[in-house]
Amino acid sequence: MGRGQRFQCARTEMQSPDDAMPETENSFENVMNPPEVVAVETERVSCDGGGGALGHPRVWYEMGDEDFVECGYCDRRFVRKGSPADPGA
């Protein structure tokens, strides 16, 4: 563009947030549920996101007094077997 030239911007209509996401019967529940729940018997767990090219660096977590811990990379949830957080209990 040379000196003194003007350009024109195309005007677009803004979409409301409701238009951007299709409505489903349980869309809120799908957002809030962890992608994977793993029941474990130890307080200390490691996660690598499933390994391979789609994984992430291996990280270690300790549950402490909690019944579950979530991975900071992939949101995988590790729960103590038999605890209230265990969906299979």
Protein backbone atom coordinates (compact mmCIF):
# COMPACT_ATOMS: atom_id res chain seq x y z
CA MET A 1 0.00 0.00 0.00
CA GLY A 2 1.43 3.32 -0.99
CA ARG A 3 1.42 6.54 0.93
CA GLY A 4 -1.98 8.13 1.28
CA GLN A 5 -3.90 5.08 0.08
CA ARG A 6 -6.95 4.01 2.01
CA PHE A 7 -8.33 0.57 2.57
CA GLN A 8 -11.83 -0.51 3.38
CA CYS A 9 -12.74 -3.08 6.03
CA ALA A 10 -15.54 -5.51 5.41
CA ARG A 11 -18.17 -5.32 8.09
CA THR A 12 -19.22 -8.61 9.63
CA GLU A 13 -22.09 -9.39 11.94
CA MET A 14 -21.21 -10.60 15.40
CA GLN A 15 -22.71 -13.87 16.51
CA SER A 16 -24.08 -14.28 19.98
CA PRO A 17 -22.46 -17.01 22.11
CA ASP A 18 -25.69 -19.01 21.82
CA ASP A 19 -25.35 -19.10 18.01
CA ALA A 20 -21.76 -20.35 18.17
CA MET A 21 -22.52 -23.60 20.04
CA PRO A 22 -25.24 -25.97 18.92
CA GLU A 23 -27.73 -26.83 21.60
CA THR A 24 -27.75 -30.37 22.89
CA GLU A 25 -29.74 -31.93 25.64
CA ASN A 26 -26.74 -32.26 27.97
CA SER A 27 -24.17 -29.83 26.55
CA PHE A 28 -23.37 -28.41 30.01
CA GLU A 29 -22.72 -31.89 31.41
CA ASN A 30 -20.37 -32.72 28.53
CA VAL A 31 -18.24 -29.67 29.32
CA MET A 32 -18.00 -30.46 33.01
CA ASN A 33 -17.17 -34.18 32.87
CA PRO A 34 -13.49 -35.21 32.75
CA PRO A 35 -12.43 -36.94 29.52
CA GLU A 36 -11.29 -40.09 31.32
CA VAL A 37 -11.53 -41.46 34.85
CA VAL A 38 -8.91 -43.94 36.08
CA ALA A 39 -9.47 -45.79 39.37
CA VAL A 40 -6.21 -46.40 41.27
CA GLU A 41 -5.18 -47.94 44.59
CA THR A 42 -2.22 -45.64 45.31
CA GLU A 43 -2.03 -42.03 46.46
CA ARG A 44 0.74 -41.19 43.98
CA VAL A 45 -0.05 -41.41 40.26
CA SER A 46 1.67 -40.47 37.02
CA CYS A 47 0.16 -39.32 33.75
CA ASP A 48 1.68 -39.02 30.28
CA GLY A 49 -1.55 -38.37 28.38
CA GLY A 50 -1.64 -41.85 26.92
CA GLY A 51 1.89 -41.78 25.56
CA GLY A 52 3.04 -41.64 21.99
CA ALA A 53 2.89 -38.58 19.78
CA LEU A 54 -0.44 -37.46 21.24
CA GLY A 55 0.70 -37.58 24.85
CA HIS A 56 2.39 -35.01 27.08
CA PRO A 57 5.39 -34.98 29.43
CA ARG A 58 5.05 -37.44 32.31
CA VAL A 59 3.91 -35.69 35.47
CA TRP A 60 3.37 -37.05 38.98
CA TYR A 61 0.53 -36.17 41.34
CA GLU A 62 -0.26 -36.96 44.98
CA MET A 63 -3.87 -37.12 46.15
CA GLY A 64 -3.13 -36.24 49.75
CA ASP A 65 -6.43 -36.05 51.65
CA GLU A 66 -8.54 -35.91 48.49
CA ASP A 67 -10.24 -38.87 46.80
CA PHE A 68 -9.15 -37.75 43.32
CA VAL A 69 -6.63 -35.65 41.40
CA GLU A 70 -6.80 -34.28 37.84
CA CYS A 71 -3.95 -34.01 35.36
CA GLY A 72 -3.07 -30.41 34.57
CA TYR A 73 -2.31 -31.29 30.94
CA CYS A 74 -5.12 -33.58 29.76
CA ASP A 75 -7.71 -33.38 32.59
CA ARG A 76 -7.61 -37.15 33.12
CA ARG A 77 -9.02 -37.80 36.59
CA PHE A 78 -7.44 -40.36 38.89
CA VAL A 79 -9.73 -41.56 41.70
CA ARG A 80 -9.19 -43.88 44.65
CA LYS A 81 -10.90 -47.21 44.13
CA GLY A 82 -13.98 -47.52 46.31
CA SER A 83 -14.07 -43.82 47.23
CA PRO A 84 -17.13 -41.60 46.66
CA ALA A 85 -15.31 -40.16 43.60
CA ASP A 86 -15.04 -43.63 42.02
CA PRO A 87 -17.82 -44.01 39.40
CA GLY A 88 -17.42 -47.81 39.58
CA ALA A 89 -17.92 -48.02 43.34
